[in-house]
Amino acid sequence: MEVNVENVRSQMRKGVLEYCILSILDKREAYASSIIDALKGAGMIVVEGTLYPLLIRLKNQGSLTYRWEESPQGPPRKYYCISEDGRVLLHEMDASWGDLVETIKTLKQ
């Protein structure tokens, strides 16, 4: 059986994408294109069709808020901000990530 490594990588990235989005927004508010740019800058390629459903889900669960701001070029931009609930979730994700990394290190020994 041949394993599609790129598919495995893609699934792993999708699994941590919400964590990455919250981490970006914990530093500063951002609009969707700048979130994509930050992810790409870190080596994680994401398209708008993947990002927007995650932003909507995070907003609906109370982890994000947003505000509209006029843009000097084009239509107004929706700036996303992490909420207090989002910060609590991010803190829990930080702990879970650390636990997962330690588990993998243990298993690989």
PDB file of N, CA and C in Angstrom:
ATOM      1  N   MET A   1       0.842  -1.182   0.000  1.00  0.00           N
ATOM      2  CA  MET A   1       0.000   0.000   0.000  1.00  0.00           C
ATOM      3  C   MET A   1       0.885   1.242   0.000  1.00  0.00           C
ATOM      4  N   GLU A   2       0.610   2.147  -0.910  1.00  0.00           N
ATOM      5  CA  GLU A   2       1.378   3.375  -1.012  1.00  0.00           C
ATOM      6  C   GLU A   2       0.698   4.471  -0.196  1.00  0.00           C
ATOM      7  N   VAL A   3       1.469   5.153   0.623  1.00  0.00           N
ATOM      8  CA  VAL A   3       0.941   6.227   1.457  1.00  0.00           C
ATOM      9  C   VAL A   3       1.173   7.550   0.734  1.00  0.00           C
ATOM     10  N   ASN A   4       0.140   8.363   0.663  1.00  0.00           N
ATOM     11  CA  ASN A   4       0.257   9.689   0.071  1.00  0.00           C
ATOM     12  C   ASN A   4       0.732  10.650   1.153  1.00  0.00           C
ATOM     13  N   VAL A   5       2.021  10.913   1.175  1.00  0.00           N
ATOM     14  CA  VAL A   5       2.621  11.742   2.223  1.00  0.00           C
ATOM     15  C   VAL A   5       2.036  13.146   2.215  1.00  0.00           C
ATOM     16  N   GLU A   6       1.798  13.687   1.034  1.00  0.00           N
ATOM     17  CA  GLU A   6       1.247  15.048   0.959  1.00  0.00           C
ATOM     18  C   GLU A   6      -0.146  15.104   1.568  1.00  0.00           C
ATOM     19  N   ASN A   7      -0.930  14.040   1.387  1.00  0.00           N
ATOM     20  CA  ASN A   7      -2.259  13.992   1.999  1.00  0.00           C
ATOM     21  C   ASN A   7      -2.145  13.948   3.525  1.00  0.00           C
ATOM     22  N   VAL A   8      -1.196  13.189   4.034  1.00  0.00           N
ATOM     23  CA  VAL A   8      -0.971  13.121   5.484  1.00  0.00           C
ATOM     24  C   VAL A   8      -0.583  14.495   6.013  1.00  0.00           C
ATOM     25  N   ARG A   9       0.338  15.164   5.330  1.00  0.00           N
ATOM     26  CA  ARG A   9       0.752  16.517   5.737  1.00  0.00           C
ATOM     27  C   ARG A   9      -0.423  17.482   5.734  1.00  0.00           C
ATOM     28  N   SER A  10      -1.241  17.389   4.691  1.00  0.00           N
ATOM     29  CA  SER A  10      -2.404  18.266   4.584  1.00  0.00           C
ATOM     30  C   SER A  10      -3.359  18.059   5.752  1.00  0.00           C
ATOM     31  N   GLN A  11      -3.620  16.809   6.101  1.00  0.00           N
ATOM     32  CA  GLN A  11      -4.514  16.508   7.219  1.00  0.00           C
ATOM     33  C   GLN A  11      -3.934  17.021   8.547  1.00  0.00           C
ATOM     34  N   MET A  12      -2.625  16.904   8.712  1.00  0.00           N
ATOM     35  CA  MET A  12      -1.989  17.396   9.937  1.00  0.00           C
ATOM     36  C   MET A  12      -2.113  18.918  10.023  1.00  0.00           C
ATOM     37  N   ARG A  13      -1.903  19.604   8.899  1.00  0.00           N
ATOM     38  CA  ARG A  13      -2.017  21.069   8.888  1.00  0.00           C
ATOM     39  C   ARG A  13      -3.440  21.497   9.218  1.00  0.00           C
ATOM     40  N   LYS A  14      -4.423  20.832   8.624  1.00  0.00           N
ATOM     41  CA  LYS A  14      -5.820  21.170   8.893  1.00  0.00           C
ATOM     42  C   LYS A  14      -6.133  20.994  10.378  1.00  0.00           C
ATOM     43  N   GLY A  15      -5.530  19.997  10.980  1.00  0.00           N
ATOM     44  CA  GLY A  15      -5.780  19.727  12.390  1.00  0.00           C
ATOM     45  C   GLY A  15      -5.293  20.812  13.325  1.00  0.00           C
ATOM     46  N   VAL A  16      -4.313  21.592  12.896  1.00  0.00           N
ATOM     47  CA  VAL A  16      -3.770  22.644  13.772  1.00  0.00           C
ATOM     48  C   VAL A  16      -4.086  24.046  13.267  1.00  0.00           C
ATOM     49  N   LEU A  17      -4.883  24.164  12.232  1.00  0.00           N
ATOM     50  CA  LEU A  17      -5.138  25.463  11.632  1.00  0.00           C
ATOM     51  C   LEU A  17      -5.871  26.425  12.577  1.00  0.00           C
ATOM     52  N   GLU A  18      -6.861  25.948  13.299  1.00  0.00           N
ATOM     53  CA  GLU A  18      -7.560  26.820  14.252  1.00  0.00           C
ATOM     54  C   GLU A  18      -6.587  27.333  15.307  1.00  0.00           C
ATOM     55  N   TYR A  19      -5.714  26.470  15.772  1.00  0.00           N
ATOM     56  CA  TYR A  19      -4.686  26.842  16.751  1.00  0.00           C
ATOM     57  C   TYR A  19      -3.791  27.940  16.171  1.00  0.00           C
ATOM     58  N   CYS A  20      -3.399  27.793  14.921  1.00  0.00           N
ATOM     59  CA  CYS A  20      -2.549  28.788  14.271  1.00  0.00           C
ATOM     60  C   CYS A  20      -3.272  30.121  14.115  1.00  0.00           C
ATOM     61  N   ILE A  21      -4.535  30.077  13.727  1.00  0.00           N
ATOM     62  CA  ILE A  21      -5.318  31.310  13.556  1.00  0.00           C
ATOM     63  C   ILE A  21      -5.426  32.050  14.882  1.00  0.00           C
ATOM     64  N   LEU A  22      -5.778  31.340  15.942  1.00  0.00           N
ATOM     65  CA  LEU A  22      -5.880  31.983  17.248  1.00  0.00           C
ATOM     66  C   LEU A  22      -4.535  32.542  17.700  1.00  0.00           C
ATOM     67  N   SER A  23      -3.457  31.844  17.396  1.00  0.00           N
ATOM     68  CA  SER A  23      -2.116  32.323  17.761  1.00  0.00           C
ATOM     69  C   SER A  23      -1.787  33.626  17.043  1.00  0.00           C
ATOM     70  N   ILE A  24      -2.145  33.724  15.771  1.00  0.00           N
ATOM     71  CA  ILE A  24      -1.921  34.959  15.019  1.00  0.00           C
ATOM     72  C   ILE A  24      -2.734  36.097  15.617  1.00  0.00           C
ATOM     73  N   LEU A  25      -4.012  35.836  15.877  1.00  0.00           N
ATOM     74  CA  LEU A  25      -4.897  36.890  16.372  1.00  0.00           C
ATOM     75  C   LEU A  25      -4.625  37.247  17.821  1.00  0.00           C
ATOM     76  N   ASP A  26      -3.916  36.406  18.531  1.00  0.00           N
ATOM     77  CA  ASP A  26      -3.541  36.744  19.904  1.00  0.00           C
ATOM     78  C   ASP A  26      -2.511  37.878  19.920  1.00  0.00           C
ATOM     79  N   LYS A  27      -1.757  38.007  18.825  1.00  0.00           N
ATOM     80  CA  LYS A  27      -0.740  39.057  18.725  1.00  0.00           C
ATOM     81  C   LYS A  27      -1.325  40.372  18.230  1.00  0.00           C
ATOM     82  N   ARG A  28      -2.295  40.292  17.310  1.00  0.00           N
ATOM     83  CA  ARG A  28      -2.874  41.498  16.728  1.00  0.00           C
ATOM     84  C   ARG A  28      -4.154  41.124  15.979  1.00  0.00           C
ATOM     85  N   GLU A  29      -5.039  42.089  15.821  1.00  0.00           N
ATOM     86  CA  GLU A  29      -6.204  41.839  14.983  1.00  0.00           C
ATOM     87  C   GLU A  29      -5.752  41.810  13.532  1.00  0.00           C
ATOM     88  N   ALA A  30      -6.514  41.132  12.689  1.00  0.00           N
ATOM     89  CA  ALA A  30      -6.101  40.985  11.303  1.00  0.00           C
ATOM     90  C   ALA A  30      -7.308  40.689  10.424  1.00  0.00           C
ATOM     91  N   TYR A  31      -7.199  41.034   9.159  1.00  0.00           N
ATOM     92  CA  TYR A  31      -8.230  40.660   8.203  1.00  0.00           C
ATOM     93  C   TYR A  31      -7.785  39.373   7.499  1.00  0.00           C
ATOM     94  N   ALA A  32      -8.697  38.743   6.782  1.00  0.00           N
ATOM     95  CA  ALA A  32      -8.450  37.397   6.251  1.00  0.00           C
ATOM     96  C   ALA A  32      -7.177  37.316   5.413  1.00  0.00           C
ATOM     97  N   SER A  33      -6.959  38.267   4.525  1.00  0.00           N
ATOM     98  CA  SER A  33      -5.769  38.206   3.662  1.00  0.00           C
ATOM     99  C   SER A  33      -4.484  38.273   4.457  1.00  0.00           C
ATOM    100  N   SER A  34      -4.475  39.075   5.521  1.00  0.00           N
ATOM    101  CA  SER A  34      -3.251  39.164   6.325  1.00  0.00           C
ATOM    102  C   SER A  34      -3.050  37.903   7.163  1.00  0.00           C
ATOM    103  N   ILE A  35      -4.132  37.228   7.542  1.00  0.00           N
ATOM    104  CA  ILE A  35      -4.011  35.935   8.235  1.00  0.00           C
ATOM    105  C   ILE A  35      -3.395  34.910   7.276  1.00  0.00           C
ATOM    106  N   ILE A  36      -3.879  34.887   6.040  1.00  0.00           N
ATOM    107  CA  ILE A  36      -3.320  33.971   5.033  1.00  0.00           C
ATOM    108  C   ILE A  36      -1.844  34.273   4.812  1.00  0.00           C
ATOM    109  N   ASP A  37      -1.496  35.555   4.718  1.00  0.00           N
ATOM    110  CA  ASP A  37      -0.090  35.936   4.533  1.00  0.00           C
ATOM    111  C   ASP A  37       0.777  35.471   5.697  1.00  0.00           C
ATOM    112  N   ALA A  38       0.270  35.623   6.924  1.00  0.00           N
ATOM    113  CA  ALA A  38       1.032  35.182   8.105  1.00  0.00           C
ATOM    114  C   ALA A  38       1.232  33.663   8.078  1.00  0.00           C
ATOM    115  N   LEU A  39       0.185  32.939   7.706  1.00  0.00           N
ATOM    116  CA  LEU A  39       0.290  31.484   7.620  1.00  0.00           C
ATOM    117  C   LEU A  39       1.290  31.086   6.542  1.00  0.00           C
ATOM    118  N   LYS A  40       1.207  31.725   5.376  1.00  0.00           N
ATOM    119  CA  LYS A  40       2.149  31.430   4.287  1.00  0.00           C
ATOM    120  C   LYS A  40       3.574  31.763   4.703  1.00  0.00           C
ATOM    121  N   GLY A  41       3.751  32.871   5.427  1.00  0.00           N
ATOM    122  CA  GLY A  41       5.072  33.260   5.903  1.00  0.00           C
ATOM    123  C   GLY A  41       5.682  32.222   6.837  1.00  0.00           C
ATOM    124  N   ALA A  42       4.827  31.469   7.502  1.00  0.00           N
ATOM    125  CA  ALA A  42       5.296  30.410   8.402  1.00  0.00           C
ATOM    126  C   ALA A  42       5.388  29.059   7.689  1.00  0.00           C
ATOM    127  N   GLY A  43       5.123  29.056   6.380  1.00  0.00           N
ATOM    128  CA  GLY A  43       5.231  27.813   5.625  1.00  0.00           C
ATOM    129  C   GLY A  43       3.959  27.003   5.539  1.00  0.00           C
ATOM    130  N   MET A  44       2.832  27.570   5.962  1.00  0.00           N
ATOM    131  CA  MET A  44       1.560  26.853   5.909  1.00  0.00           C
ATOM    132  C   MET A  44       0.700  27.480   4.815  1.00  0.00           C
ATOM    133  N   ILE A  45       0.526  26.778   3.739  1.00  0.00           N
ATOM    134  CA  ILE A  45      -0.229  27.298   2.609  1.00  0.00           C
ATOM    135  C   ILE A  45      -1.717  27.036   2.839  1.00  0.00           C
ATOM    136  N   VAL A  46      -2.499  28.117   2.848  1.00  0.00           N
ATOM    137  CA  VAL A  46      -3.932  28.039   3.100  1.00  0.00           C
ATOM    138  C   VAL A  46      -4.630  28.944   2.090  1.00  0.00           C
ATOM    139  N   VAL A  47      -5.758  28.502   1.585  1.00  0.00           N
ATOM    140  CA  VAL A  47      -6.539  29.307   0.660  1.00  0.00           C
ATOM    141  C   VAL A  47      -7.764  29.860   1.375  1.00  0.00           C
ATOM    142  N   GLU A  48      -8.354  30.908   0.789  1.00  0.00           N
ATOM    143  CA  GLU A  48      -9.512  31.548   1.418  1.00  0.00           C
ATOM    144  C   GLU A  48     -10.652  30.569   1.651  1.00  0.00           C
ATOM    145  N   GLY A  49     -10.833  29.628   0.725  1.00  0.00           N
ATOM    146  CA  GLY A  49     -11.912  28.654   0.867  1.00  0.00           C
ATOM    147  C   GLY A  49     -11.763  27.758   2.081  1.00  0.00           C
ATOM    148  N   THR A  50     -10.550  27.635   2.585  1.00  0.00           N
ATOM    149  CA  THR A  50     -10.295  26.879   3.816  1.00  0.00           C
ATOM    150  C   THR A  50     -10.408  27.790   5.023  1.00  0.00           C
ATOM    151  N   LEU A  51      -9.918  29.025   4.889  1.00  0.00           N
ATOM    152  CA  LEU A  51      -9.851  29.944   6.030  1.00  0.00           C
ATOM    153  C   LEU A  51     -11.222  30.432   6.478  1.00  0.00           C
ATOM    154  N   TYR A  52     -12.054  30.877   5.533  1.00  0.00           N
ATOM    155  CA  TYR A  52     -13.316  31.508   5.919  1.00  0.00           C
ATOM    156  C   TYR A  52     -14.236  30.607   6.743  1.00  0.00           C
ATOM    157  N   PRO A  53     -14.421  29.337   6.388  1.00  0.00           N
ATOM    158  CA  PRO A  53     -15.268  28.493   7.258  1.00  0.00           C
ATOM    159  C   PRO A  53     -14.724  28.370   8.684  1.00  0.00           C
ATOM    160  N   LEU A  54     -13.390  28.350   8.824  1.00  0.00           N
ATOM    161  CA  LEU A  54     -12.800  28.282  10.170  1.00  0.00           C
ATOM    162  C   LEU A  54     -13.043  29.581  10.940  1.00  0.00           C
ATOM    163  N   LEU A  55     -12.903  30.717  10.262  1.00  0.00           N
ATOM    164  CA  LEU A  55     -13.171  32.000  10.922  1.00  0.00           C
ATOM    165  C   LEU A  55     -14.630  32.084  11.360  1.00  0.00           C
ATOM    166  N   ILE A  56     -15.539  31.627  10.521  1.00  0.00           N
ATOM    167  CA  ILE A  56     -16.960  31.642  10.876  1.00  0.00           C
ATOM    168  C   ILE A  56     -17.221  30.723  12.064  1.00  0.00           C
ATOM    169  N   ARG A  57     -16.641  29.526  12.042  1.00  0.00           N
ATOM    170  CA  ARG A  57     -16.834  28.596  13.158  1.00  0.00           C
ATOM    171  C   ARG A  57     -16.279  29.172  14.463  1.00  0.00           C
ATOM    172  N   LEU A  58     -15.071  29.751  14.406  1.00  0.00           N
ATOM    173  CA  LEU A  58     -14.473  30.346  15.605  1.00  0.00           C
ATOM    174  C   LEU A  58     -15.312  31.522  16.111  1.00  0.00           C
ATOM    175  N   LYS A  59     -15.863  32.305  15.197  1.00  0.00           N
ATOM    176  CA  LYS A  59     -16.730  33.424  15.595  1.00  0.00           C
ATOM    177  C   LYS A  59     -18.013  32.902  16.231  1.00  0.00           C
ATOM    178  N   ASN A  60     -18.620  31.898  15.607  1.00  0.00           N
ATOM    179  CA  ASN A  60     -19.879  31.348  16.127  1.00  0.00           C
ATOM    180  C   ASN A  60     -19.717  30.692  17.492  1.00  0.00           C
ATOM    181  N   GLN A  61     -18.542  30.151  17.783  1.00  0.00           N
ATOM    182  CA  GLN A  61     -18.325  29.539  19.100  1.00  0.00           C
ATOM    183  C   GLN A  61     -17.857  30.573  20.121  1.00  0.00           C
ATOM    184  N   GLY A  62     -17.702  31.825  19.699  1.00  0.00           N
ATOM    185  CA  GLY A  62     -17.366  32.894  20.631  1.00  0.00           C
ATOM    186  C   GLY A  62     -15.873  33.127  20.820  1.00  0.00           C
ATOM    187  N   SER A  63     -15.042  32.490  20.010  1.00  0.00           N
ATOM    188  CA  SER A  63     -13.590  32.639  20.157  1.00  0.00           C
ATOM    189  C   SER A  63     -13.052  33.872  19.445  1.00  0.00           C
ATOM    190  N   LEU A  64     -13.828  34.392  18.484  1.00  0.00           N
ATOM    191  CA  LEU A  64     -13.428  35.580  17.725  1.00  0.00           C
ATOM    192  C   LEU A  64     -14.554  36.585  17.697  1.00  0.00           C
ATOM    193  N   THR A  65     -14.181  37.833  17.528  1.00  0.00           N
ATOM    194  CA  THR A  65     -15.119  38.891  17.179  1.00  0.00           C
ATOM    195  C   THR A  65     -14.554  39.562  15.931  1.00  0.00           C
ATOM    196  N   TYR A  66     -15.296  40.475  15.380  1.00  0.00           N
ATOM    197  CA  TYR A  66     -14.769  41.212  14.235  1.00  0.00           C
ATOM    198  C   TYR A  66     -15.340  42.615  14.213  1.00  0.00           C
ATOM    199  N   ARG A  67     -14.684  43.467  13.456  1.00  0.00           N
ATOM    200  CA  ARG A  67     -15.164  44.824  13.227  1.00  0.00           C
ATOM    201  C   ARG A  67     -14.859  45.182  11.780  1.00  0.00           C
ATOM    202  N   TRP A  68     -15.654  46.085  11.238  1.00  0.00           N
ATOM    203  CA  TRP A  68     -15.437  46.545   9.870  1.00  0.00           C
ATOM    204  C   TRP A  68     -14.625  47.827   9.895  1.00  0.00           C
ATOM    205  N   GLU A  69     -13.721  47.954   8.934  1.00  0.00           N
ATOM    206  CA  GLU A  69     -12.940  49.185   8.805  1.00  0.00           C
ATOM    207  C   GLU A  69     -12.861  49.558   7.337  1.00  0.00           C
ATOM    208  N   GLU A  70     -13.085  50.836   7.064  1.00  0.00           N
ATOM    209  CA  GLU A  70     -12.968  51.320   5.685  1.00  0.00           C
ATOM    210  C   GLU A  70     -11.548  51.103   5.198  1.00  0.00           C
ATOM    211  N   SER A  71     -11.421  50.767   3.934  1.00  0.00           N
ATOM    212  CA  SER A  71     -10.121  50.543   3.321  1.00  0.00           C
ATOM    213  C   SER A  71      -9.845  51.653   2.317  1.00  0.00           C
ATOM    214  N   PRO A  72      -8.618  52.170   2.292  1.00  0.00           N
ATOM    215  CA  PRO A  72      -8.303  53.191   1.292  1.00  0.00           C
ATOM    216  C   PRO A  72      -8.316  52.622  -0.132  1.00  0.00           C
ATOM    217  N   GLN A  73      -8.198  51.292  -0.235  1.00  0.00           N
ATOM    218  CA  GLN A  73      -8.220  50.626  -1.539  1.00  0.00           C
ATOM    219  C   GLN A  73      -9.303  49.565  -1.530  1.00  0.00           C
ATOM    220  N   GLY A  74     -10.428  49.846  -2.138  1.00  0.00           N
ATOM    221  CA  GLY A  74     -11.462  48.836  -2.257  1.00  0.00           C
ATOM    222  C   GLY A  74     -12.492  48.874  -1.144  1.00  0.00           C
ATOM    223  N   PRO A  75     -13.199  47.751  -0.993  1.00  0.00           N
ATOM    224  CA  PRO A  75     -14.298  47.683  -0.019  1.00  0.00           C
ATOM    225  C   PRO A  75     -13.789  47.643   1.422  1.00  0.00           C
ATOM    226  N   PRO A  76     -14.708  47.865   2.385  1.00  0.00           N
ATOM    227  CA  PRO A  76     -14.303  47.782   3.798  1.00  0.00           C
ATOM    228  C   PRO A  76     -13.752  46.395   4.116  1.00  0.00           C
ATOM    229  N   ARG A  77     -12.879  46.352   5.124  1.00  0.00           N
ATOM    230  CA  ARG A  77     -12.268  45.085   5.537  1.00  0.00           C
ATOM    231  C   ARG A  77     -12.831  44.649   6.882  1.00  0.00           C
ATOM    232  N   LYS A  78     -13.005  43.349   7.004  1.00  0.00           N
ATOM    233  CA  LYS A  78     -13.457  42.768   8.270  1.00  0.00           C
ATOM    234  C   LYS A  78     -12.211  42.359   9.039  1.00  0.00           C
ATOM    235  N   TYR A  79     -11.973  43.024  10.171  1.00  0.00           N
ATOM    236  CA  TYR A  79     -10.835  42.704  11.027  1.00  0.00           C
ATOM    237  C   TYR A  79     -11.293  41.765  12.136  1.00  0.00           C
ATOM    238  N   TYR A  80     -10.605  40.634  12.248  1.00  0.00           N
ATOM    239  CA  TYR A  80     -10.920  39.637  13.274  1.00  0.00           C
ATOM    240  C   TYR A  80     -10.054  39.880  14.504  1.00  0.00           C
ATOM    241  N   CYS A  81     -10.656  39.680  15.683  1.00  0.00           N
ATOM    242  CA  CYS A  81      -9.972  39.851  16.962  1.00  0.00           C
ATOM    243  C   CYS A  81     -10.268  38.627  17.827  1.00  0.00           C
ATOM    244  N   ILE A  82      -9.308  38.212  18.600  1.00  0.00           N
ATOM    245  CA  ILE A  82      -9.535  37.108  19.524  1.00  0.00           C
ATOM    246  C   ILE A  82     -10.339  37.634  20.719  1.00  0.00           C
ATOM    247  N   SER A  83     -11.295  36.854  21.192  1.00  0.00           N
ATOM    248  CA  SER A  83     -12.103  37.230  22.362  1.00  0.00           C
ATOM    249  C   SER A  83     -11.464  36.651  23.624  1.00  0.00           C
ATOM    250  N   GLU A  84     -12.019  36.995  24.755  1.00  0.00           N
ATOM    251  CA  GLU A  84     -11.520  36.401  26.007  1.00  0.00           C
ATOM    252  C   GLU A  84     -11.726  34.890  25.997  1.00  0.00           C
ATOM    253  N   ASP A  85     -12.877  34.433  25.498  1.00  0.00           N
ATOM    254  CA  ASP A  85     -13.102  32.985  25.372  1.00  0.00           C
ATOM    255  C   ASP A  85     -12.065  32.368  24.434  1.00  0.00           C
ATOM    256  N   GLY A  86     -11.709  33.094  23.377  1.00  0.00           N
ATOM    257  CA  GLY A  86     -10.686  32.614  22.454  1.00  0.00           C
ATOM    258  C   GLY A  86      -9.326  32.507  23.118  1.00  0.00           C
ATOM    259  N   ARG A  87      -9.020  33.453  24.004  1.00  0.00           N
ATOM    260  CA  ARG A  87      -7.745  33.385  24.734  1.00  0.00           C
ATOM    261  C   ARG A  87      -7.710  32.188  25.678  1.00  0.00           C
ATOM    262  N   VAL A  88      -8.845  31.900  26.312  1.00  0.00           N
ATOM    263  CA  VAL A  88      -8.926  30.713  27.170  1.00  0.00           C
ATOM    264  C   VAL A  88      -8.715  29.461  26.325  1.00  0.00           C
ATOM    265  N   LEU A  89      -9.380  29.393  25.168  1.00  0.00           N
ATOM    266  CA  LEU A  89      -9.224  28.252  24.272  1.00  0.00           C
ATOM    267  C   LEU A  89      -7.778  28.128  23.804  1.00  0.00           C
ATOM    268  N   LEU A  90      -7.159  29.254  23.442  1.00  0.00           N
ATOM    269  CA  LEU A  90      -5.766  29.234  22.992  1.00  0.00           C
ATOM    270  C   LEU A  90      -4.850  28.725  24.093  1.00  0.00           C
ATOM    271  N   HIS A  91      -5.099  29.149  25.317  1.00  0.00           N
ATOM    272  CA  HIS A  91      -4.289  28.668  26.445  1.00  0.00           C
ATOM    273  C   HIS A  91      -4.440  27.149  26.598  1.00  0.00           C
ATOM    274  N   GLU A  92      -5.659  26.652  26.461  1.00  0.00           N
ATOM    275  CA  GLU A  92      -5.892  25.205  26.535  1.00  0.00           C
ATOM    276  C   GLU A  92      -5.215  24.478  25.371  1.00  0.00           C
ATOM    277  N   MET A  93      -5.260  25.085  24.186  1.00  0.00           N
ATOM    278  CA  MET A  93      -4.595  24.486  23.021  1.00  0.00           C
ATOM    279  C   MET A  93      -3.082  24.460  23.226  1.00  0.00           C
ATOM    280  N   ASP A  94      -2.523  25.532  23.812  1.00  0.00           N
ATOM    281  CA  ASP A  94      -1.087  25.554  24.111  1.00  0.00           C
ATOM    282  C   ASP A  94      -0.705  24.365  24.988  1.00  0.00           C
ATOM    283  N   ALA A  95      -1.488  24.132  26.036  1.00  0.00           N
ATOM    284  CA  ALA A  95      -1.204  23.019  26.946  1.00  0.00           C
ATOM    285  C   ALA A  95      -1.351  21.678  26.222  1.00  0.00           C
ATOM    286  N   SER A  96      -2.408  21.552  25.424  1.00  0.00           N
ATOM    287  CA  SER A  96      -2.636  20.300  24.687  1.00  0.00           C
ATOM    288  C   SER A  96      -1.522  20.048  23.685  1.00  0.00           C
ATOM    289  N   TRP A  97      -1.065  21.096  23.019  1.00  0.00           N
ATOM    290  CA  TRP A  97       0.026  20.949  22.054  1.00  0.00           C
ATOM    291  C   TRP A  97       1.287  20.458  22.758  1.00  0.00           C
ATOM    292  N   GLY A  98       1.595  21.062  23.891  1.00  0.00           N
ATOM    293  CA  GLY A  98       2.768  20.632  24.657  1.00  0.00           C
ATOM    294  C   GLY A  98       2.668  19.173  25.069  1.00  0.00           C
ATOM    295  N   ASP A  99       1.485  18.768  25.513  1.00  0.00           N
ATOM    296  CA  ASP A  99       1.274  17.368  25.898  1.00  0.00           C
ATOM    297  C   ASP A  99       1.449  16.444  24.694  1.00  0.00           C
ATOM    298  N   LEU A 100       0.911  16.849  23.548  1.00  0.00           N
ATOM    299  CA  LEU A 100       1.013  16.028  22.346  1.00  0.00           C
ATOM    300  C   LEU A 100       2.469  15.875  21.906  1.00  0.00           C
ATOM    301  N   VAL A 101       3.208  16.965  21.929  1.00  0.00           N
ATOM    302  CA  VAL A 101       4.627  16.911  21.555  1.00  0.00           C
ATOM    303  C   VAL A 101       5.385  15.963  22.486  1.00  0.00           C
ATOM    304  N   GLU A 102       5.123  16.045  23.768  1.00  0.00           N
ATOM    305  CA  GLU A 102       5.786  15.148  24.729  1.00  0.00           C
ATOM    306  C   GLU A 102       5.396  13.696  24.488  1.00  0.00           C
ATOM    307  N   THR A 103       4.137  13.455  24.192  1.00  0.00           N
ATOM    308  CA  THR A 103       3.695  12.088  23.897  1.00  0.00           C
ATOM    309  C   THR A 103       4.424  11.521  22.689  1.00  0.00           C
ATOM    310  N   ILE A 104       4.530  12.325  21.638  1.00  0.00           N
ATOM    311  CA  ILE A 104       5.220  11.864  20.426  1.00  0.00           C
ATOM    312  C   ILE A 104       6.690  11.620  20.710  1.00  0.00           C
ATOM    313  N   LYS A 105       7.321  12.509  21.453  1.00  0.00           N
ATOM    314  CA  LYS A 105       8.727  12.308  21.814  1.00  0.00           C
ATOM    315  C   LYS A 105       8.910  10.991  22.570  1.00  0.00           C
ATOM    316  N   THR A 106       8.005  10.705  23.502  1.00  0.00           N
ATOM    317  CA  THR A 106       8.067   9.469  24.268  1.00  0.00           C
ATOM    318  C   THR A 106       7.924   8.251  23.367  1.00  0.00           C
ATOM    319  N   LEU A 107       6.959   8.315  22.461  1.00  0.00           N
ATOM    320  CA  LEU A 107       6.724   7.178  21.573  1.00  0.00           C
ATOM    321  C   LEU A 107       7.871   6.948  20.598  1.00  0.00           C
ATOM    322  N   LYS A 108       8.593   7.991  20.242  1.00  0.00           N
ATOM    323  CA  LYS A 108       9.660   7.864  19.267  1.00  0.00           C
ATOM    324  C   LYS A 108      10.979   7.416  19.894  1.00  0.00           C
ATOM    325  N   GLN A 109      11.039   7.354  21.198  1.00  0.00           N
ATOM    326  CA  GLN A 109      12.291   6.936  21.876  1.00  0.00           C
ATOM    327  C   GLN A 109      12.517   5.463  21.723  1.00  0.00           C
TER     328      GLN A 109
END
